[in-house]
Amino acid sequence: MDVGTVERDVGTEEICTVVVNAVADAHGVHPLDLEPKLYDVIEPDALADLWSANDSPPRSLEISFSMAGCEVVVNGDGRVLVTPDGSVSGSKHAGLRE
């Protein structure tokens, strides 16, 4: 059951945890039930490294990828936006814009 677009603020949480929880919330499922997993679509360590570079990513940073039938956008201002979209289900792509 998709619940629509989910927006989260990273705050002090690990970026990968925020992304996985937001995608799970967008589908109304437990994070462990997601397929594919985060590590299947993007390197979690690289995402964490980009996010924590110099303890503050550039506000203009935008990382986008598809995960578990959702479009995920991580912004340098601390926002994670997750939008369910049946047309991206199962696809694997990633993008980085700065």
C-alpha atoms as a PDB file:
ATOM      1  CA  MET A   1       0.000   0.000   0.000  1.00  0.00           C
ATOM      2  CA  ASP A   2       1.774   3.156  -1.193  1.00  0.00           C
ATOM      3  CA  VAL A   3       1.120   6.183   0.980  1.00  0.00           C
ATOM      4  CA  GLY A   4       2.532   8.804  -1.386  1.00  0.00           C
ATOM      5  CA  THR A   5       5.511  11.104  -1.206  1.00  0.00           C
ATOM      6  CA  VAL A   6       7.476  10.982   2.026  1.00  0.00           C
ATOM      7  CA  GLU A   7       9.788  13.787   3.133  1.00  0.00           C
ATOM      8  CA  ARG A   8      12.290  13.373   5.956  1.00  0.00           C
ATOM      9  CA  ASP A   9      14.921  15.616   7.486  1.00  0.00           C
ATOM     10  CA  VAL A  10      18.234  13.848   8.052  1.00  0.00           C
ATOM     11  CA  GLY A  11      18.994  15.673  11.286  1.00  0.00           C
ATOM     12  CA  THR A  12      21.447  13.605  13.335  1.00  0.00           C
ATOM     13  CA  GLU A  13      20.484  10.200  11.906  1.00  0.00           C
ATOM     14  CA  GLU A  14      22.632   8.231   9.472  1.00  0.00           C
ATOM     15  CA  ILE A  15      21.680   9.138   5.907  1.00  0.00           C
ATOM     16  CA  CYS A  16      21.272   5.487   4.875  1.00  0.00           C
ATOM     17  CA  THR A  17      18.897   4.826   7.777  1.00  0.00           C
ATOM     18  CA  VAL A  18      16.782   7.858   6.840  1.00  0.00           C
ATOM     19  CA  VAL A  19      16.585   6.748   3.192  1.00  0.00           C
ATOM     20  CA  VAL A  20      15.601   3.155   3.984  1.00  0.00           C
ATOM     21  CA  ASN A  21      13.002   4.212   6.558  1.00  0.00           C
ATOM     22  CA  ALA A  22      11.517   6.813   4.201  1.00  0.00           C
ATOM     23  CA  VAL A  23      11.199   4.282   1.358  1.00  0.00           C
ATOM     24  CA  ALA A  24       9.598   1.777   3.741  1.00  0.00           C
ATOM     25  CA  ASP A  25       7.184   4.462   4.976  1.00  0.00           C
ATOM     26  CA  ALA A  26       6.276   5.372   1.383  1.00  0.00           C
ATOM     27  CA  HIS A  27       5.208   1.753   0.831  1.00  0.00           C
ATOM     28  CA  GLY A  28       3.755   1.216   4.316  1.00  0.00           C
ATOM     29  CA  VAL A  29       6.069  -1.735   5.005  1.00  0.00           C
ATOM     30  CA  HIS A  30       8.834  -2.672   7.433  1.00  0.00           C
ATOM     31  CA  PRO A  31      12.318  -1.586   6.231  1.00  0.00           C
ATOM     32  CA  LEU A  32      13.560  -5.187   6.172  1.00  0.00           C
ATOM     33  CA  ASP A  33      10.794  -6.102   3.700  1.00  0.00           C
ATOM     34  CA  LEU A  34      12.104  -3.770   0.978  1.00  0.00           C
ATOM     35  CA  GLU A  35      13.362  -5.239  -2.288  1.00  0.00           C
ATOM     36  CA  PRO A  36      15.787  -4.396  -3.705  1.00  0.00           C
ATOM     37  CA  LYS A  37      17.869  -3.399  -0.693  1.00  0.00           C
ATOM     38  CA  LEU A  38      19.727  -0.086  -0.552  1.00  0.00           C
ATOM     39  CA  TYR A  39      23.072  -1.807  -1.222  1.00  0.00           C
ATOM     40  CA  ASP A  40      21.594  -3.303  -4.403  1.00  0.00           C
ATOM     41  CA  VAL A  41      21.020   0.128  -5.966  1.00  0.00           C
ATOM     42  CA  ILE A  42      23.684   2.411  -4.501  1.00  0.00           C
ATOM     43  CA  GLU A  43      26.860   1.950  -2.469  1.00  0.00           C
ATOM     44  CA  PRO A  44      25.783   2.851   1.100  1.00  0.00           C
ATOM     45  CA  ASP A  45      29.320   3.801   2.176  1.00  0.00           C
ATOM     46  CA  ALA A  46      29.654   6.168  -0.779  1.00  0.00           C
ATOM     47  CA  LEU A  47      26.297   7.762   0.046  1.00  0.00           C
ATOM     48  CA  ALA A  48      27.369   8.192   3.667  1.00  0.00           C
ATOM     49  CA  ASP A  49      30.763   9.575   2.601  1.00  0.00           C
ATOM     50  CA  LEU A  50      29.170  12.106   0.235  1.00  0.00           C
ATOM     51  CA  TRP A  51      26.739  13.145   2.895  1.00  0.00           C
ATOM     52  CA  SER A  52      29.301  13.533   5.667  1.00  0.00           C
ATOM     53  CA  ALA A  53      32.039  15.172   3.560  1.00  0.00           C
ATOM     54  CA  ASN A  54      33.458  17.968   5.688  1.00  0.00           C
ATOM     55  CA  ASP A  55      30.599  17.385   8.165  1.00  0.00           C
ATOM     56  CA  SER A  56      28.315  19.456   5.963  1.00  0.00           C
ATOM     57  CA  PRO A  57      27.485  18.608   2.347  1.00  0.00           C
ATOM     58  CA  PRO A  58      27.104  21.514  -0.072  1.00  0.00           C
ATOM     59  CA  ARG A  59      23.510  22.765  -0.036  1.00  0.00           C
ATOM     60  CA  SER A  60      23.487  22.397  -3.828  1.00  0.00           C
ATOM     61  CA  LEU A  61      24.254  18.655  -3.588  1.00  0.00           C
ATOM     62  CA  GLU A  62      21.511  16.428  -4.981  1.00  0.00           C
ATOM     63  CA  ILE A  63      21.737  12.653  -5.180  1.00  0.00           C
ATOM     64  CA  SER A  64      18.920  10.795  -6.910  1.00  0.00           C
ATOM     65  CA  PHE A  65      18.311   7.107  -7.466  1.00  0.00           C
ATOM     66  CA  SER A  66      15.532   4.537  -7.706  1.00  0.00           C
ATOM     67  CA  MET A  67      14.928   2.059  -4.934  1.00  0.00           C
ATOM     68  CA  ALA A  68      12.095  -0.416  -4.402  1.00  0.00           C
ATOM     69  CA  GLY A  69       9.809   1.306  -6.887  1.00  0.00           C
ATOM     70  CA  CYS A  70      10.499   4.799  -5.560  1.00  0.00           C
ATOM     71  CA  GLU A  71      12.395   7.817  -6.779  1.00  0.00           C
ATOM     72  CA  VAL A  72      14.715   8.923  -3.955  1.00  0.00           C
ATOM     73  CA  VAL A  73      16.245  12.406  -3.849  1.00  0.00           C
ATOM     74  CA  VAL A  74      18.759  13.355  -1.149  1.00  0.00           C
ATOM     75  CA  ASN A  75      19.388  17.095  -0.954  1.00  0.00           C
ATOM     76  CA  GLY A  76      22.366  18.850   0.604  1.00  0.00           C
ATOM     77  CA  ASP A  77      19.998  20.878   2.757  1.00  0.00           C
ATOM     78  CA  GLY A  78      19.131  17.738   4.730  1.00  0.00           C
ATOM     79  CA  ARG A  79      15.912  16.714   3.001  1.00  0.00           C
ATOM     80  CA  VAL A  80      15.179  13.237   1.708  1.00  0.00           C
ATOM     81  CA  LEU A  81      12.216  13.004  -0.676  1.00  0.00           C
ATOM     82  CA  VAL A  82      10.789   9.622  -1.636  1.00  0.00           C
ATOM     83  CA  THR A  83       8.106   9.304  -4.288  1.00  0.00           C
ATOM     84  CA  PRO A  84       6.565   5.918  -5.143  1.00  0.00           C
ATOM     85  CA  ASP A  85       6.322   5.392  -8.880  1.00  0.00           C
ATOM     86  CA  GLY A  86       5.343   2.133 -10.509  1.00  0.00           C
ATOM     87  CA  SER A  87       7.286   3.113 -13.628  1.00  0.00           C
ATOM     88  CA  VAL A  88      10.619   2.912 -11.786  1.00  0.00           C
ATOM     89  CA  SER A  89       9.936  -0.354  -9.977  1.00  0.00           C
ATOM     90  CA  GLY A  90      13.019  -2.503  -9.879  1.00  0.00           C
ATOM     91  CA  SER A  91      15.119  -0.161 -11.972  1.00  0.00           C
ATOM     92  CA  LYS A  92      18.648   0.654 -10.939  1.00  0.00           C
ATOM     93  CA  HIS A  93      19.978   4.102 -11.682  1.00  0.00           C
ATOM     94  CA  ALA A  94      21.783   6.733  -9.711  1.00  0.00           C
ATOM     95  CA  GLY A  95      22.649  10.321 -10.319  1.00  0.00           C
ATOM     96  CA  LEU A  96      24.703  13.009  -8.634  1.00  0.00           C
ATOM     97  CA  ARG A  97      24.344  16.689  -9.240  1.00  0.00           C
ATOM     98  CA  GLU A  98      26.307  19.436  -7.535  1.00  0.00           C
END
